[in-house]
Amino acid sequence: MNKDKLIGLYILWVVVLIIELGWLYTVATGIYQTGTLAFIITLITTTIITGAVGLNLISKFINY
């Protein structure tokens, strides 16, 4: 995998996080159930951890 593909994956990961944070904002500003809010926070945390670990592992295999 080259550096351009890694940058593309990083941008995709950031876009997904922005969408999830927007979803969190819309739920948190309205009337919500605690279970829904906990699910969204857990989803965002999982996305951050999985994306960070995945990008770190992929970046180790880039041919410079």
N, C-alpha and C. Protein backbone atom coordinates (compact mmCIF):
# COMPACT_ATOMS: atom_id res chain seq x y z
N MET A 1 0.85 -1.17 0.00
CA MET A 1 0.00 0.00 0.00
C MET A 1 0.90 1.23 0.00
N ASN A 2 0.54 2.20 -0.82
CA ASN A 2 1.37 3.39 -0.88
C ASN A 2 0.81 4.49 0.02
N LYS A 3 1.54 5.57 0.08
CA LYS A 3 1.21 6.66 0.99
C LYS A 3 -0.10 7.35 0.61
N ASP A 4 -0.41 7.44 -0.68
CA ASP A 4 -1.65 8.07 -1.13
C ASP A 4 -2.88 7.30 -0.66
N LYS A 5 -2.81 5.98 -0.69
CA LYS A 5 -3.93 5.17 -0.21
C LYS A 5 -4.12 5.33 1.30
N LEU A 6 -3.02 5.44 2.02
CA LEU A 6 -3.11 5.64 3.46
C LEU A 6 -3.75 6.99 3.78
N ILE A 7 -3.40 8.01 3.04
CA ILE A 7 -4.00 9.32 3.24
C ILE A 7 -5.49 9.27 2.91
N GLY A 8 -5.86 8.53 1.88
CA GLY A 8 -7.27 8.36 1.54
C GLY A 8 -8.05 7.66 2.63
N LEU A 9 -7.45 6.62 3.22
CA LEU A 9 -8.10 5.93 4.33
C LEU A 9 -8.24 6.83 5.54
N TYR A 10 -7.23 7.65 5.79
CA TYR A 10 -7.29 8.58 6.91
C TYR A 10 -8.40 9.60 6.71
N ILE A 11 -8.53 10.13 5.50
CA ILE A 11 -9.59 11.10 5.22
C ILE A 11 -10.96 10.45 5.37
N LEU A 12 -11.11 9.22 4.90
CA LEU A 12 -12.37 8.50 5.06
C LEU A 12 -12.70 8.31 6.54
N TRP A 13 -11.70 7.95 7.33
CA TRP A 13 -11.88 7.75 8.76
C TRP A 13 -12.33 9.06 9.42
N VAL A 14 -11.74 10.17 9.04
CA VAL A 14 -12.11 11.47 9.61
C VAL A 14 -13.55 11.83 9.21
N VAL A 15 -13.94 11.55 7.98
CA VAL A 15 -15.30 11.83 7.53
C VAL A 15 -16.31 11.02 8.34
N VAL A 16 -16.02 9.75 8.57
CA VAL A 16 -16.92 8.91 9.38
C VAL A 16 -17.02 9.46 10.79
N LEU A 17 -15.91 9.89 11.37
CA LEU A 17 -15.95 10.46 12.72
C LEU A 17 -16.76 11.75 12.76
N ILE A 18 -16.64 12.58 11.74
CA ILE A 18 -17.42 13.82 11.70
C ILE A 18 -18.91 13.51 11.63
N ILE A 19 -19.29 12.53 10.83
CA ILE A 19 -20.69 12.13 10.73
C ILE A 19 -21.19 11.63 12.08
N GLU A 20 -20.40 10.79 12.74
CA GLU A 20 -20.79 10.27 14.05
C GLU A 20 -20.89 11.37 15.09
N LEU A 21 -19.98 12.34 15.06
CA LEU A 21 -20.05 13.45 16.02
C LEU A 21 -21.26 14.34 15.73
N GLY A 22 -21.62 14.51 14.47
CA GLY A 22 -22.83 15.24 14.13
C GLY A 22 -24.07 14.53 14.64
N TRP A 23 -24.07 13.21 14.51
CA TRP A 23 -25.18 12.40 15.04
C TRP A 23 -25.26 12.55 16.55
N LEU A 24 -24.12 12.50 17.23
CA LEU A 24 -24.09 12.68 18.67
C LEU A 24 -24.64 14.05 19.06
N TYR A 25 -24.26 15.08 18.33
CA TYR A 25 -24.73 16.43 18.63
C TYR A 25 -26.25 16.54 18.47
N THR A 26 -26.79 15.96 17.39
CA THR A 26 -28.24 16.06 17.19
C THR A 26 -29.01 15.28 18.24
N VAL A 27 -28.48 14.16 18.68
CA VAL A 27 -29.16 13.38 19.71
C VAL A 27 -29.03 14.07 21.07
N ALA A 28 -27.86 14.61 21.37
CA ALA A 28 -27.62 15.20 22.68
C ALA A 28 -28.37 16.52 22.87
N THR A 29 -28.65 17.25 21.81
CA THR A 29 -29.34 18.52 21.96
C THR A 29 -30.85 18.36 22.04
N GLY A 30 -31.36 17.22 21.66
CA GLY A 30 -32.80 16.99 21.71
C GLY A 30 -33.15 16.10 22.90
N ILE A 31 -34.37 15.62 22.87
CA ILE A 31 -34.80 14.67 23.90
C ILE A 31 -34.26 13.30 23.51
N TYR A 32 -33.56 12.68 24.42
CA TYR A 32 -32.91 11.42 24.10
C TYR A 32 -33.05 10.44 25.25
N GLN A 33 -32.80 9.20 24.94
CA GLN A 33 -32.75 8.16 25.96
C GLN A 33 -31.28 7.89 26.28
N THR A 34 -31.03 7.53 27.50
CA THR A 34 -29.65 7.29 27.93
C THR A 34 -29.01 6.15 27.14
N GLY A 35 -29.77 5.13 26.81
CA GLY A 35 -29.24 4.00 26.05
C GLY A 35 -28.77 4.40 24.67
N THR A 36 -29.52 5.29 24.03
CA THR A 36 -29.14 5.76 22.70
C THR A 36 -27.84 6.55 22.77
N LEU A 37 -27.74 7.43 23.75
CA LEU A 37 -26.54 8.24 23.90
C LEU A 37 -25.33 7.36 24.23
N ALA A 38 -25.52 6.36 25.08
CA ALA A 38 -24.42 5.44 25.42
C ALA A 38 -23.97 4.65 24.19
N PHE A 39 -24.93 4.25 23.35
CA PHE A 39 -24.59 3.52 22.13
C PHE A 39 -23.75 4.39 21.19
N ILE A 40 -24.14 5.63 21.01
CA ILE A 40 -23.42 6.53 20.10
C ILE A 40 -22.00 6.79 20.62
N ILE A 41 -21.87 7.03 21.92
CA ILE A 41 -20.54 7.27 22.50
C ILE A 41 -19.66 6.03 22.36
N THR A 42 -20.25 4.85 22.58
CA THR A 42 -19.50 3.60 22.41
C THR A 42 -19.09 3.41 20.96
N LEU A 43 -19.98 3.73 20.02
CA LEU A 43 -19.66 3.62 18.60
C LEU A 43 -18.52 4.55 18.20
N ILE A 44 -18.56 5.78 18.68
CA ILE A 44 -17.50 6.74 18.36
C ILE A 44 -16.17 6.28 18.95
N THR A 45 -16.19 5.80 20.19
CA THR A 45 -14.96 5.30 20.82
C THR A 45 -14.38 4.12 20.05
N THR A 46 -15.24 3.20 19.66
CA THR A 46 -14.79 2.04 18.89
C THR A 46 -14.22 2.46 17.54
N THR A 47 -14.85 3.43 16.89
CA THR A 47 -14.34 3.91 15.60
C THR A 47 -12.98 4.56 15.76
N ILE A 48 -12.80 5.35 16.80
CA ILE A 48 -11.51 6.00 17.03
C ILE A 48 -10.42 4.96 17.27
N ILE A 49 -10.69 4.00 18.13
CA ILE A 49 -9.68 2.99 18.47
C ILE A 49 -9.36 2.12 17.27
N THR A 50 -10.38 1.62 16.60
CA THR A 50 -10.16 0.75 15.44
C THR A 50 -9.43 1.48 14.32
N GLY A 51 -9.84 2.72 14.04
CA GLY A 51 -9.18 3.50 13.00
C GLY A 51 -7.74 3.81 13.32
N ALA A 52 -7.48 4.19 14.56
CA ALA A 52 -6.10 4.52 14.95
C ALA A 52 -5.19 3.30 14.87
N VAL A 53 -5.66 2.18 15.38
CA VAL A 53 -4.85 0.96 15.34
C VAL A 53 -4.66 0.49 13.90
N GLY A 54 -5.73 0.54 13.11
CA GLY A 54 -5.64 0.11 11.72
C GLY A 54 -4.69 0.96 10.92
N LEU A 55 -4.79 2.28 11.05
CA LEU A 55 -3.89 3.17 10.33
C LEU A 55 -2.44 2.99 10.79
N ASN A 56 -2.25 2.75 12.07
CA ASN A 56 -0.90 2.52 12.58
C ASN A 56 -0.31 1.24 12.00
N LEU A 57 -1.10 0.18 11.95
CA LEU A 57 -0.60 -1.08 11.40
C LEU A 57 -0.36 -0.98 9.89
N ILE A 58 -1.26 -0.32 9.19
CA ILE A 58 -1.09 -0.17 7.74
C ILE A 58 0.13 0.68 7.42
N SER A 59 0.36 1.73 8.22
CA SER A 59 1.48 2.62 7.95
C SER A 59 2.83 1.92 8.11
N LYS A 60 2.87 0.86 8.87
CA LYS A 60 4.13 0.11 9.03
C LYS A 60 4.49 -0.68 7.79
N PHE A 61 3.53 -0.91 6.91
CA PHE A 61 3.78 -1.70 5.71
C PHE A 61 3.93 -0.85 4.46
N ILE A 62 3.99 0.46 4.61
CA ILE A 62 4.14 1.34 3.45
C ILE A 62 5.58 1.26 2.95
N ASN A 63 5.72 1.16 1.65
CA ASN A 63 7.05 1.16 1.03
C ASN A 63 7.44 2.60 0.74
N TYR A 64 8.47 3.08 1.37
CA TYR A 64 8.90 4.46 1.16
C TYR A 64 9.91 4.53 0.03
